[in-house]
């Protein structure tokens, strides 16, 4: 059984993320992943790429990048929910997630091209 996450905002309006376990203990996180064989690698990726005060667009992109490591078929098997101050939750449209996936894949391909071009 996977422990649940609770996401929301503090009284000051700062985003908060808690992870709970069946024993009732909880931990506060800035970014976190659970389950799967790549959880440690993905947690390290989030720790490396998360920044204090990050804009929503960048935070979503980092989340999608992490999911691409473990999800087959790109955006078709992803569901992204953005929680905003005031309790507003938006589940992103598949085409919006797909646009982010394509942008990430394009950058990765361009990076490979640049790297392979210097090997000659």
Protein backbone atom coordinates (compact mmCIF):
# COMPACT_ATOMS: atom_id res chain seq x y z
CA UNK A 1 0.00 0.00 0.00
CA UNK A 2 1.33 3.42 -0.96
CA UNK A 3 1.25 6.19 1.62
CA UNK A 4 -0.97 9.13 0.64
CA UNK A 5 0.14 12.68 -0.03
CA UNK A 6 -1.67 15.73 1.25
CA UNK A 7 -1.09 18.94 -0.70
CA UNK A 8 -2.31 22.40 0.09
CA UNK A 9 -1.23 25.78 1.41
CA UNK A 10 -0.15 27.17 4.76
CA UNK A 11 -1.98 30.07 6.38
CA UNK A 12 0.69 32.33 4.85
CA UNK A 13 -0.14 31.06 1.35
CA UNK A 14 2.94 28.87 0.90
CA UNK A 15 2.52 25.47 -0.77
CA UNK A 16 2.89 22.45 1.53
CA UNK A 17 3.20 18.74 0.81
CA UNK A 18 2.90 16.03 3.46
CA UNK A 19 3.32 12.29 3.18
CA UNK A 20 1.61 10.09 5.76
CA UNK A 21 2.00 6.43 6.62
CA UNK A 22 -0.38 3.86 8.17
CA UNK A 23 1.18 4.44 11.62
CA UNK A 24 0.00 8.05 11.47
CA UNK A 25 3.38 9.71 11.19
CA UNK A 26 3.84 12.42 8.61
CA UNK A 27 6.73 14.09 6.81
CA UNK A 28 6.79 17.45 5.07
CA UNK A 29 8.37 17.60 1.61
CA UNK A 30 9.08 20.18 -1.08
CA UNK A 31 8.83 17.47 -3.77
CA UNK A 32 8.46 13.70 -3.40
CA UNK A 33 7.82 10.44 -5.25
CA UNK A 34 6.58 7.09 -3.97
CA UNK A 35 6.61 3.52 -5.23
CA UNK A 36 8.33 1.89 -8.12
CA UNK A 37 11.84 0.64 -8.67
CA UNK A 38 13.10 4.11 -9.66
CA UNK A 39 11.79 6.02 -6.63
CA UNK A 40 15.27 6.75 -5.23
CA UNK A 41 16.57 8.01 -8.60
CA UNK A 42 13.46 10.13 -9.14
CA UNK A 43 13.67 11.58 -5.61
CA UNK A 44 17.28 12.57 -6.30
CA UNK A 45 16.19 14.15 -9.61
CA UNK A 46 13.56 16.22 -7.79
CA UNK A 47 16.01 17.22 -5.05
CA UNK A 48 18.50 18.39 -7.68
CA UNK A 49 15.99 20.31 -9.82
CA UNK A 50 13.54 21.77 -7.29
CA UNK A 51 14.10 25.43 -6.42
CA UNK A 52 12.56 27.63 -3.75
CA UNK A 53 9.97 30.00 -5.30
CA UNK A 54 9.80 28.02 -8.55
CA UNK A 55 7.18 29.18 -11.06
CA UNK A 56 4.24 26.83 -11.69
CA UNK A 57 5.23 26.11 -15.30
CA UNK A 58 8.71 24.95 -14.29
CA UNK A 59 7.36 22.86 -11.41
CA UNK A 60 4.93 21.09 -13.74
CA UNK A 61 7.70 20.47 -16.26
CA UNK A 62 9.96 18.90 -13.62
CA UNK A 63 7.07 16.68 -12.50
CA UNK A 64 6.47 15.57 -16.09
CA UNK A 65 10.21 14.90 -16.57
CA UNK A 66 10.19 12.67 -13.50
CA UNK A 67 7.09 10.81 -14.69
CA UNK A 68 8.61 10.22 -18.13
CA UNK A 69 11.24 8.06 -16.43
CA UNK A 70 8.60 5.57 -15.28
CA UNK A 71 5.55 6.00 -17.54
CA UNK A 72 5.17 4.32 -20.92
CA UNK A 73 3.48 6.10 -23.84
CA UNK A 74 4.25 9.64 -22.70
CA UNK A 75 1.32 11.85 -21.81
CA UNK A 76 -1.33 9.20 -22.56
CA UNK A 77 -0.61 7.54 -19.21
CA UNK A 78 -0.14 10.71 -17.15
CA UNK A 79 -2.59 12.79 -15.22
CA UNK A 80 -1.29 16.08 -13.81
CA UNK A 81 -3.27 18.00 -11.20
CA UNK A 82 -2.13 21.51 -10.31
CA UNK A 83 -3.24 22.72 -6.87
CA UNK A 84 -3.38 26.49 -6.45
CA UNK A 85 -3.86 28.77 -3.48
CA UNK A 86 -7.50 29.09 -2.48
CA UNK A 87 -8.25 25.41 -3.07
CA UNK A 88 -8.39 25.61 -6.85
CA UNK A 89 -7.39 22.33 -8.50
CA UNK A 90 -6.93 21.94 -12.24
CA UNK A 91 -6.38 18.64 -13.98
CA UNK A 92 -4.33 19.47 -17.05
CA UNK A 93 -5.69 18.54 -20.47
CA UNK A 94 -3.88 15.67 -22.17
CA UNK A 95 -2.87 17.89 -25.09
CA UNK A 96 -1.23 20.37 -22.69
CA UNK A 97 0.73 17.59 -20.99
CA UNK A 98 1.62 16.19 -24.41
CA UNK A 99 3.03 19.57 -25.48
CA UNK A 100 5.33 19.55 -22.42
CA UNK A 101 6.37 15.94 -23.17
CA UNK A 102 7.21 16.81 -26.77
CA UNK A 103 9.23 19.84 -25.66
CA UNK A 104 11.21 17.71 -23.16
CA UNK A 105 11.81 15.01 -25.79
CA UNK A 106 12.92 17.63 -28.34
CA UNK A 107 15.42 19.11 -25.88
CA UNK A 108 16.73 15.64 -25.02
CA UNK A 109 17.19 14.83 -28.71
CA UNK A 110 18.95 18.15 -29.35
CA UNK A 111 21.24 17.40 -26.40
CA UNK A 112 22.12 13.99 -27.86
CA UNK A 113 22.83 15.55 -31.23
CA UNK A 114 25.18 18.14 -29.70
CA UNK A 115 26.92 15.48 -27.61
CA UNK A 116 27.35 13.03 -30.48
CA UNK A 117 28.61 15.81 -32.73
CA UNK A 118 31.60 16.43 -30.45
CA UNK A 119 32.69 12.80 -30.48
CA UNK A 120 34.04 12.95 -34.02
